[in-house]
Amino acid sequence: MNGKIQNSPIRPPRNTLQPHHIRHIISGTLVFLLGIAANEGLMHLRRHWPRHVRWTSTEQRDYVVPVGLPPTNVLVETGIAEDGTVVWRPRKE
């Protein structure tokens, strides 16, 4: 025998980019971006979802938390949401 393996498949060089590699890169990128979009969508919904808030010992109702802080010239009441976060609303006079 001359030391050569008979009927062995011919392998392509390792550094070639095959068409299925490109498909994997594209599908992986799409799945990654869809995951980010889904997470951002959930965070947006969660931010704007009504939460059960305790304003006083007697008043409890659902409340959508405003984004940001109140203006400096507005009197506010603070309450505690069911998840423990402190929320605010303009004081009714």
N, C-alpha and C. Protein backbone atom coordinates (compact mmCIF):
# COMPACT_ATOMS: atom_id res chain seq x y z
N MET A 1 0.83 -1.18 0.00
CA MET A 1 0.00 0.00 0.00
C MET A 1 0.87 1.24 0.00
N ASN A 2 0.36 2.26 -0.59
CA ASN A 2 1.13 3.49 -0.70
C ASN A 2 0.76 4.51 0.38
N GLY A 3 -0.12 4.17 1.36
CA GLY A 3 -0.46 5.06 2.45
C GLY A 3 -1.58 6.03 2.14
N LYS A 4 -2.18 5.95 0.96
CA LYS A 4 -3.27 6.86 0.59
C LYS A 4 -4.61 6.19 0.86
N ILE A 5 -5.55 6.91 1.51
CA ILE A 5 -6.87 6.37 1.81
C ILE A 5 -7.70 6.42 0.54
N GLN A 6 -8.28 5.31 0.20
CA GLN A 6 -9.09 5.23 -1.01
C GLN A 6 -10.52 5.67 -0.71
N ASN A 7 -11.19 6.23 -1.70
CA ASN A 7 -12.59 6.64 -1.64
C ASN A 7 -12.88 7.65 -0.52
N SER A 8 -11.93 8.47 -0.14
CA SER A 8 -12.21 9.49 0.88
C SER A 8 -12.81 10.73 0.21
N PRO A 9 -13.79 11.35 0.87
CA PRO A 9 -14.39 12.55 0.25
C PRO A 9 -13.38 13.69 0.22
N ILE A 10 -13.54 14.51 -0.76
CA ILE A 10 -12.65 15.67 -0.89
C ILE A 10 -13.25 16.80 -0.08
N ARG A 11 -12.51 17.30 0.87
CA ARG A 11 -12.99 18.39 1.72
C ARG A 11 -12.59 19.73 1.12
N PRO A 12 -13.49 20.72 1.20
CA PRO A 12 -13.09 22.06 0.73
C PRO A 12 -12.14 22.67 1.75
N PRO A 13 -11.37 23.62 1.33
CA PRO A 13 -10.49 24.30 2.30
C PRO A 13 -11.31 24.93 3.42
N ARG A 14 -10.74 25.01 4.60
CA ARG A 14 -11.48 25.49 5.78
C ARG A 14 -11.84 26.97 5.71
N ASN A 15 -11.13 27.76 4.98
CA ASN A 15 -11.34 29.21 5.01
C ASN A 15 -12.33 29.68 3.95
N THR A 16 -13.07 28.79 3.30
CA THR A 16 -14.05 29.25 2.32
C THR A 16 -15.38 29.51 3.00
N LEU A 17 -16.07 30.52 2.54
CA LEU A 17 -17.39 30.87 3.06
C LEU A 17 -18.43 30.20 2.17
N GLN A 18 -19.11 29.22 2.72
CA GLN A 18 -20.09 28.45 1.96
C GLN A 18 -21.44 29.17 1.96
N PRO A 19 -22.32 28.87 0.98
CA PRO A 19 -23.64 29.51 0.94
C PRO A 19 -24.46 29.28 2.22
N HIS A 20 -24.35 28.10 2.81
CA HIS A 20 -25.12 27.87 4.03
C HIS A 20 -24.58 28.68 5.20
N HIS A 21 -23.31 29.06 5.15
CA HIS A 21 -22.77 29.95 6.19
C HIS A 21 -23.44 31.31 6.10
N ILE A 22 -23.61 31.79 4.88
CA ILE A 22 -24.26 33.09 4.69
C ILE A 22 -25.71 33.03 5.17
N ARG A 23 -26.40 31.92 4.87
CA ARG A 23 -27.77 31.76 5.35
C ARG A 23 -27.82 31.76 6.88
N HIS A 24 -26.86 31.10 7.51
CA HIS A 24 -26.81 31.08 8.98
C HIS A 24 -26.57 32.48 9.54
N ILE A 25 -25.69 33.22 8.92
CA ILE A 25 -25.39 34.58 9.38
C ILE A 25 -26.64 35.46 9.26
N ILE A 26 -27.33 35.36 8.11
CA ILE A 26 -28.52 36.19 7.90
C ILE A 26 -29.63 35.80 8.86
N SER A 27 -29.90 34.49 8.98
CA SER A 27 -30.99 34.07 9.87
C SER A 27 -30.64 34.36 11.33
N GLY A 28 -29.41 34.19 11.73
CA GLY A 28 -29.00 34.50 13.09
C GLY A 28 -29.15 35.98 13.40
N THR A 29 -28.78 36.83 12.44
CA THR A 29 -28.93 38.27 12.63
C THR A 29 -30.40 38.65 12.75
N LEU A 30 -31.25 38.05 11.89
CA LEU A 30 -32.68 38.35 11.96
C LEU A 30 -33.29 37.91 13.29
N VAL A 31 -32.92 36.73 13.76
CA VAL A 31 -33.45 36.25 15.04
C VAL A 31 -32.98 37.16 16.17
N PHE A 32 -31.72 37.59 16.14
CA PHE A 32 -31.19 38.50 17.15
C PHE A 32 -31.95 39.81 17.15
N LEU A 33 -32.17 40.39 15.97
CA LEU A 33 -32.88 41.67 15.89
C LEU A 33 -34.35 41.52 16.29
N LEU A 34 -34.98 40.40 15.94
CA LEU A 34 -36.35 40.17 16.37
C LEU A 34 -36.43 40.04 17.89
N GLY A 35 -35.44 39.42 18.50
CA GLY A 35 -35.40 39.32 19.95
C GLY A 35 -35.30 40.68 20.60
N ILE A 36 -34.46 41.54 20.05
CA ILE A 36 -34.33 42.90 20.58
C ILE A 36 -35.64 43.65 20.42
N ALA A 37 -36.27 43.53 19.23
CA ALA A 37 -37.55 44.23 18.99
C ALA A 37 -38.63 43.73 19.95
N ALA A 38 -38.69 42.43 20.17
CA ALA A 38 -39.70 41.89 21.10
C ALA A 38 -39.46 42.40 22.51
N ASN A 39 -38.20 42.43 22.94
CA ASN A 39 -37.89 42.92 24.27
C ASN A 39 -38.25 44.40 24.42
N GLU A 40 -37.93 45.20 23.42
CA GLU A 40 -38.27 46.63 23.48
C GLU A 40 -39.78 46.82 23.49
N GLY A 41 -40.50 46.00 22.72
CA GLY A 41 -41.96 46.09 22.72
C GLY A 41 -42.55 45.76 24.07
N LEU A 42 -42.04 44.71 24.70
CA LEU A 42 -42.51 44.34 26.04
C LEU A 42 -42.20 45.44 27.05
N MET A 43 -41.02 46.03 26.97
CA MET A 43 -40.67 47.10 27.91
C MET A 43 -41.58 48.32 27.69
N HIS A 44 -41.89 48.62 26.44
CA HIS A 44 -42.79 49.75 26.15
C HIS A 44 -44.18 49.48 26.72
N LEU A 45 -44.70 48.27 26.48
CA LEU A 45 -46.02 47.93 27.02
C LEU A 45 -46.02 47.96 28.54
N ARG A 46 -44.96 47.45 29.13
CA ARG A 46 -44.89 47.41 30.59
C ARG A 46 -44.86 48.81 31.19
N ARG A 47 -44.18 49.72 30.50
CA ARG A 47 -44.10 51.10 30.98
C ARG A 47 -45.46 51.78 30.95
N HIS A 48 -46.29 51.44 29.94
CA HIS A 48 -47.58 52.11 29.77
C HIS A 48 -48.76 51.28 30.27
N TRP A 49 -48.50 50.16 30.91
CA TRP A 49 -49.56 49.30 31.41
C TRP A 49 -50.09 49.85 32.73
N PRO A 50 -51.40 49.87 32.93
CA PRO A 50 -51.93 50.36 34.22
C PRO A 50 -51.46 49.48 35.37
N ARG A 51 -51.02 50.12 36.45
CA ARG A 51 -50.57 49.39 37.64
C ARG A 51 -51.47 49.75 38.81
N HIS A 52 -51.64 48.80 39.69
CA HIS A 52 -52.44 49.02 40.89
C HIS A 52 -51.59 49.84 41.87
N VAL A 53 -52.08 51.02 42.24
CA VAL A 53 -51.32 51.95 43.09
C VAL A 53 -52.10 52.25 44.36
N ARG A 54 -51.39 52.27 45.47
CA ARG A 54 -51.99 52.69 46.75
C ARG A 54 -51.56 54.14 46.98
N TRP A 55 -52.55 55.05 46.91
CA TRP A 55 -52.26 56.47 47.12
C TRP A 55 -52.38 56.81 48.60
N THR A 56 -53.41 56.34 49.25
CA THR A 56 -53.59 56.56 50.69
C THR A 56 -54.01 55.21 51.27
N SER A 57 -54.30 55.20 52.55
CA SER A 57 -54.71 53.94 53.16
C SER A 57 -56.07 53.48 52.64
N THR A 58 -56.86 54.40 52.07
CA THR A 58 -58.19 54.01 51.58
C THR A 58 -58.27 53.95 50.07
N GLU A 59 -57.54 54.80 49.36
CA GLU A 59 -57.67 54.86 47.90
C GLU A 59 -56.66 53.95 47.22
N GLN A 60 -57.17 53.00 46.44
CA GLN A 60 -56.32 52.14 45.62
C GLN A 60 -56.98 52.03 44.26
N ARG A 61 -56.24 52.33 43.21
CA ARG A 61 -56.81 52.20 41.87
C ARG A 61 -55.69 52.01 40.86
N ASP A 62 -56.10 51.61 39.65
CA ASP A 62 -55.13 51.42 38.58
C ASP A 62 -54.67 52.79 38.07
N TYR A 63 -53.40 52.84 37.68
CA TYR A 63 -52.80 54.12 37.31
C TYR A 63 -51.70 53.86 36.30
N VAL A 64 -51.66 54.67 35.24
CA VAL A 64 -50.57 54.61 34.27
C VAL A 64 -49.53 55.63 34.68
N VAL A 65 -48.33 55.16 34.93
CA VAL A 65 -47.26 56.01 35.43
C VAL A 65 -46.79 56.94 34.32
N PRO A 66 -46.76 58.27 34.55
CA PRO A 66 -46.26 59.17 33.53
C PRO A 66 -44.75 59.01 33.34
N VAL A 67 -44.30 59.30 32.14
CA VAL A 67 -42.87 59.20 31.85
C VAL A 67 -42.20 60.51 32.28
N GLY A 68 -41.14 60.41 33.02
CA GLY A 68 -40.39 61.59 33.44
C GLY A 68 -40.84 62.12 34.79
N LEU A 69 -40.32 63.27 35.13
CA LEU A 69 -40.61 63.90 36.40
C LEU A 69 -41.63 65.02 36.23
N PRO A 70 -42.34 65.38 37.30
CA PRO A 70 -43.33 66.47 37.18
C PRO A 70 -42.63 67.82 37.05
N PRO A 71 -43.33 68.82 36.52
CA PRO A 71 -42.75 70.17 36.48
C PRO A 71 -42.51 70.68 37.90
N THR A 72 -41.62 71.61 38.06
CA THR A 72 -41.24 72.09 39.38
C THR A 72 -42.34 72.90 40.05
N ASN A 73 -43.26 73.48 39.29
CA ASN A 73 -44.29 74.33 39.88
C ASN A 73 -45.60 73.58 40.12
N VAL A 74 -45.61 72.26 40.05
CA VAL A 74 -46.83 71.47 40.24
C VAL A 74 -46.72 70.68 41.54
N LEU A 75 -47.77 70.78 42.38
CA LEU A 75 -47.81 69.97 43.59
C LEU A 75 -48.23 68.55 43.23
N VAL A 76 -47.57 67.57 43.82
CA VAL A 76 -47.85 66.18 43.46
C VAL A 76 -48.14 65.35 44.70
N GLU A 77 -48.84 64.26 44.49
CA GLU A 77 -49.03 63.23 45.51
C GLU A 77 -48.16 62.05 45.11
N THR A 78 -47.64 61.36 46.08
CA THR A 78 -46.88 60.16 45.77
C THR A 78 -47.66 58.93 46.23
N GLY A 79 -47.47 57.85 45.51
CA GLY A 79 -48.10 56.59 45.85
C GLY A 79 -47.13 55.46 45.64
N ILE A 80 -47.51 54.29 46.05
CA ILE A 80 -46.65 53.12 45.89
C ILE A 80 -47.38 52.12 45.00
N ALA A 81 -46.72 51.70 43.92
CA ALA A 81 -47.30 50.72 43.01
C ALA A 81 -47.14 49.32 43.59
N GLU A 82 -47.84 48.37 42.99
CA GLU A 82 -47.80 47.00 43.50
C GLU A 82 -46.42 46.36 43.42
N ASP A 83 -45.57 46.87 42.52
CA ASP A 83 -44.22 46.31 42.42
C ASP A 83 -43.22 47.05 43.30
N GLY A 84 -43.70 48.01 44.12
CA GLY A 84 -42.84 48.70 45.06
C GLY A 84 -42.26 50.01 44.57
N THR A 85 -42.51 50.38 43.33
CA THR A 85 -41.98 51.65 42.83
C THR A 85 -42.83 52.81 43.32
N VAL A 86 -42.19 53.94 43.52
CA VAL A 86 -42.89 55.16 43.95
C VAL A 86 -43.35 55.90 42.71
N VAL A 87 -44.63 56.27 42.67
CA VAL A 87 -45.19 56.96 41.52
C VAL A 87 -45.76 58.30 41.98
N TRP A 88 -46.06 59.18 41.03
CA TRP A 88 -46.58 60.49 41.37
C TRP A 88 -47.75 60.83 40.45
N ARG A 89 -48.59 61.75 40.94
CA ARG A 89 -49.68 62.32 40.14
C ARG A 89 -49.89 63.74 40.62
N PRO A 90 -50.40 64.61 39.74
CA PRO A 90 -50.67 65.98 40.18
C PRO A 90 -51.72 65.97 41.30
N ARG A 91 -51.54 66.83 42.28
CA ARG A 91 -52.46 66.90 43.41
C ARG A 91 -53.75 67.60 42.97
N LYS A 92 -54.89 67.01 43.35
CA LYS A 92 -56.19 67.62 43.06
C LYS A 92 -56.51 68.61 44.17
N GLU A 93 -56.97 69.78 43.77
CA GLU A 93 -57.29 70.79 44.79
C GLU A 93 -58.73 71.16 44.78
